[in-house]
Amino acid sequence: MDMKKANVLEPLRVVEQAIQSATETAVMILRIDDVISSKAVSGGGMDGMDGMDFPM
């Protein structure tokens, strides 16, 4: 559907903010993935919780 004919207008700022938020989210997920991957390779996985004792 043609948005102009349907009288639907979005400010450019809204579109820019949506793209910026999606980009920041993707970068954050990639950073978290990198941290998890590097811990798994170095042997510092989640098995010992890095010395923290939590009752199960």
C-alpha atoms as a PDB file:
ATOM      1  CA  MET A   1       0.000   0.000   0.000  1.00  0.00           C
ATOM      2  CA  ASP A   2       1.249   3.475  -0.778  1.00  0.00           C
ATOM      3  CA  MET A   3       1.692   5.229   2.545  1.00  0.00           C
ATOM      4  CA  LYS A   4       1.114   8.697   1.055  1.00  0.00           C
ATOM      5  CA  LYS A   5      -2.214   7.671  -0.454  1.00  0.00           C
ATOM      6  CA  ALA A   6      -3.235   6.090   2.865  1.00  0.00           C
ATOM      7  CA  ASN A   7      -2.314   9.333   4.657  1.00  0.00           C
ATOM      8  CA  VAL A   8       0.198   7.575   6.918  1.00  0.00           C
ATOM      9  CA  LEU A   9       3.226   9.680   7.702  1.00  0.00           C
ATOM     10  CA  GLU A  10       6.205   8.803   9.886  1.00  0.00           C
ATOM     11  CA  PRO A  11       8.698  11.423  10.922  1.00  0.00           C
ATOM     12  CA  LEU A  12      12.223  10.713   9.746  1.00  0.00           C
ATOM     13  CA  ARG A  13      13.429  10.862  13.345  1.00  0.00           C
ATOM     14  CA  VAL A  14      11.231   7.865  14.274  1.00  0.00           C
ATOM     15  CA  VAL A  15      12.704   5.764  11.475  1.00  0.00           C
ATOM     16  CA  GLU A  16      16.264   6.816  12.352  1.00  0.00           C
ATOM     17  CA  GLN A  17      15.697   5.958  16.022  1.00  0.00           C
ATOM     18  CA  ALA A  18      14.290   2.529  15.142  1.00  0.00           C
ATOM     19  CA  ILE A  19      17.320   1.740  12.986  1.00  0.00           C
ATOM     20  CA  GLN A  20      19.718   3.027  15.652  1.00  0.00           C
ATOM     21  CA  SER A  21      18.024   0.971  18.385  1.00  0.00           C
ATOM     22  CA  ALA A  22      18.100  -2.176  16.259  1.00  0.00           C
ATOM     23  CA  THR A  23      21.784  -1.626  15.486  1.00  0.00           C
ATOM     24  CA  GLU A  24      22.685  -1.097  19.144  1.00  0.00           C
ATOM     25  CA  THR A  25      20.761  -4.224  20.114  1.00  0.00           C
ATOM     26  CA  ALA A  26      22.548  -6.308  17.481  1.00  0.00           C
ATOM     27  CA  VAL A  27      25.955  -5.019  18.613  1.00  0.00           C
ATOM     28  CA  MET A  28      25.119  -5.782  22.249  1.00  0.00           C
ATOM     29  CA  ILE A  29      24.054  -9.341  21.383  1.00  0.00           C
ATOM     30  CA  LEU A  30      27.267  -9.865  19.423  1.00  0.00           C
ATOM     31  CA  ARG A  31      29.355  -8.591  22.350  1.00  0.00           C
ATOM     32  CA  ILE A  32      27.577 -10.900  24.783  1.00  0.00           C
ATOM     33  CA  ASP A  33      28.056 -13.806  22.378  1.00  0.00           C
ATOM     34  CA  ASP A  34      31.745 -12.969  22.097  1.00  0.00           C
ATOM     35  CA  VAL A  35      32.151 -12.948  25.890  1.00  0.00           C
ATOM     36  CA  ILE A  36      30.354 -16.276  26.251  1.00  0.00           C
ATOM     37  CA  SER A  37      32.372 -17.813  23.424  1.00  0.00           C
ATOM     38  CA  SER A  38      35.683 -16.626  24.860  1.00  0.00           C
ATOM     39  CA  LYS A  39      34.806 -18.043  28.300  1.00  0.00           C
ATOM     40  CA  ALA A  40      33.911 -21.408  26.768  1.00  0.00           C
ATOM     41  CA  VAL A  41      37.204 -21.550  24.849  1.00  0.00           C
ATOM     42  CA  SER A  42      39.329 -20.520  27.841  1.00  0.00           C
ATOM     43  CA  GLY A  43      37.626 -23.017  30.132  1.00  0.00           C
ATOM     44  CA  GLY A  44      35.914 -20.408  32.282  1.00  0.00           C
ATOM     45  CA  GLY A  45      32.427 -21.695  31.563  1.00  0.00           C
ATOM     46  CA  MET A  46      29.389 -21.584  33.776  1.00  0.00           C
ATOM     47  CA  ASP A  47      30.091 -24.895  35.571  1.00  0.00           C
ATOM     48  CA  GLY A  48      31.716 -23.303  38.645  1.00  0.00           C
ATOM     49  CA  MET A  49      29.973 -19.921  38.435  1.00  0.00           C
ATOM     50  CA  ASP A  50      33.424 -18.354  38.939  1.00  0.00           C
ATOM     51  CA  GLY A  51      33.701 -19.314  42.608  1.00  0.00           C
ATOM     52  CA  MET A  52      30.239 -18.197  43.626  1.00  0.00           C
ATOM     53  CA  ASP A  53      28.342 -20.695  45.767  1.00  0.00           C
ATOM     54  CA  PHE A  54      24.615 -20.631  45.305  1.00  0.00           C
ATOM     55  CA  PRO A  55      22.369 -23.089  47.134  1.00  0.00           C
ATOM     56  CA  MET A  56      20.587 -25.358  44.708  1.00  0.00           C
END
